[in-house]
Amino acid sequence: MNAPLFFIALLPDEGIQQEITRFKEYAARHFRSSRALRSPPHITLIPPFRWPEARAVELDAALESFVLKEQPFDLGLQNFNCFAPRVIFVDVERTTELQALQYRLETCLTEELGLEAKSRRDFNPHVTVAFKDLHRKVFPEAWAYFSRLNYERVVQVQALALLEHTGKRWEVRREFGFGE
């Protein structure tokens, strides 16, 4: 049996999650792209990885230790962007704080747990609205819709979230608050 599948992300506050979920629901209804609804709105810091349940305590301990040194910061969400022709997302401001947080986290997990660094060269923060099941033929219409919307919010980054795949969807297993 395969080890459980996890990823580590930042979660916007509940109000912003609800707003972005409405965008995902619109994409599902109008453009038949519903796979993004299988996870809460998030900004991926560490992409999916397998980790043995028997070593879950080590993963938790590494994340608990990591967040002790971190401080909250603000992060802007700015309109929509895409990875044509299959992905549409809420764009995330590329701040030095965010880039540094992702780098420190990846380094910590590599050094402390031996987790293979996958994203160092291509960290592109975003919050997915439609992907994978967004058909190429429908993409132009979907992009025409989302590219016209104005959406700007500020997220206060205060914690990391460890998400686990249940076999059908991603669920938050635990959150790790900064400075706690």
Foldseek 3Di string as FASTA:
>chain_A
DFAWKKFKWFAFPPVVQVVLVVLLVCCCVPQVFNPLVQETWTWTLGDIDGDHPVCVVQVVVLQQVLQQPDDKDKWKFWFWDADPPFWIWGATDDDPSSLVSSVVSLVSCCVRPVDDGDPNVPRGTTTTRGGDPRDSVSRVVSCVVRNPDTDMDMGIGFWMFMWTDPPRGIDTPDIHGHSD
